[in-house]
Amino acid sequence: MILTTGQRTDIPAFFPEWLANRIKEGFVLVRNPYFPNFASQS
């Protein structure tokens, strides 16, 4: 598996348990910085 956080480098640093749970559940909703009302499933 390849996990790219891009500019979201604070996620693994400050929220490792949350990130591990999202990976176990198989998805993460990601908010689009250019369209804040839009969230895509990753």
C-alpha atoms as a PDB file:
ATOM      1  CA  MET A   1       0.000   0.000   0.000  1.00  0.00           C
ATOM      2  CA  ILE A   2       1.198   3.509  -0.778  1.00  0.00           C
ATOM      3  CA  LEU A   3      -0.088   6.235   1.492  1.00  0.00           C
ATOM      4  CA  THR A   4       0.487   9.794   0.346  1.00  0.00           C
ATOM      5  CA  THR A   5      -0.458  12.602   2.703  1.00  0.00           C
ATOM      6  CA  GLY A   6       1.029  15.412   0.597  1.00  0.00           C
ATOM      7  CA  GLN A   7       0.646  18.621   2.543  1.00  0.00           C
ATOM      8  CA  ARG A   8      -1.243  16.749   5.256  1.00  0.00           C
ATOM      9  CA  THR A   9       1.961  15.721   7.043  1.00  0.00           C
ATOM     10  CA  ASP A  10       0.457  16.590  10.421  1.00  0.00           C
ATOM     11  CA  ILE A  11      -1.990  13.675  10.134  1.00  0.00           C
ATOM     12  CA  PRO A  12       0.538  10.882  10.810  1.00  0.00           C
ATOM     13  CA  ALA A  13       2.449  13.052  13.286  1.00  0.00           C
ATOM     14  CA  PHE A  14      -0.468  14.200  15.450  1.00  0.00           C
ATOM     15  CA  PHE A  15      -3.275  11.718  14.713  1.00  0.00           C
ATOM     16  CA  PRO A  16      -1.628   8.282  14.316  1.00  0.00           C
ATOM     17  CA  GLU A  17      -4.415   6.341  16.064  1.00  0.00           C
ATOM     18  CA  TRP A  18      -7.109   8.015  13.957  1.00  0.00           C
ATOM     19  CA  LEU A  19      -5.140   7.305  10.775  1.00  0.00           C
ATOM     20  CA  ALA A  20      -4.606   3.653  11.734  1.00  0.00           C
ATOM     21  CA  ASN A  21      -8.353   3.248  12.377  1.00  0.00           C
ATOM     22  CA  ARG A  22      -9.231   4.795   8.991  1.00  0.00           C
ATOM     23  CA  ILE A  23      -6.823   2.441   7.222  1.00  0.00           C
ATOM     24  CA  LYS A  24      -8.303  -0.561   9.070  1.00  0.00           C
ATOM     25  CA  GLU A  25     -11.820   0.519   8.061  1.00  0.00           C
ATOM     26  CA  GLY A  26     -10.653   0.886   4.471  1.00  0.00           C
ATOM     27  CA  PHE A  27     -11.511   4.501   3.745  1.00  0.00           C
ATOM     28  CA  VAL A  28     -10.874   8.133   4.582  1.00  0.00           C
ATOM     29  CA  LEU A  29     -12.942  11.145   3.600  1.00  0.00           C
ATOM     30  CA  VAL A  30     -10.691  13.925   2.328  1.00  0.00           C
ATOM     31  CA  ARG A  31     -11.799  17.534   2.146  1.00  0.00           C
ATOM     32  CA  ASN A  32     -10.810  19.338  -1.041  1.00  0.00           C
ATOM     33  CA  PRO A  33      -8.885  22.541  -0.125  1.00  0.00           C
ATOM     34  CA  TYR A  34     -10.153  24.339  -3.242  1.00  0.00           C
ATOM     35  CA  PHE A  35     -13.801  23.321  -2.719  1.00  0.00           C
ATOM     36  CA  PRO A  36     -14.241  23.025   1.086  1.00  0.00           C
ATOM     37  CA  ASN A  37     -17.833  21.790   0.792  1.00  0.00           C
ATOM     38  CA  PHE A  38     -16.662  18.796  -1.234  1.00  0.00           C
ATOM     39  CA  ALA A  39     -15.248  15.686   0.442  1.00  0.00           C
ATOM     40  CA  SER A  40     -14.058  12.704  -1.546  1.00  0.00           C
ATOM     41  CA  GLN A  41     -13.638   9.141  -0.375  1.00  0.00           C
ATOM     42  CA  SER A  42     -10.108   7.767  -0.530  1.00  0.00           C
END
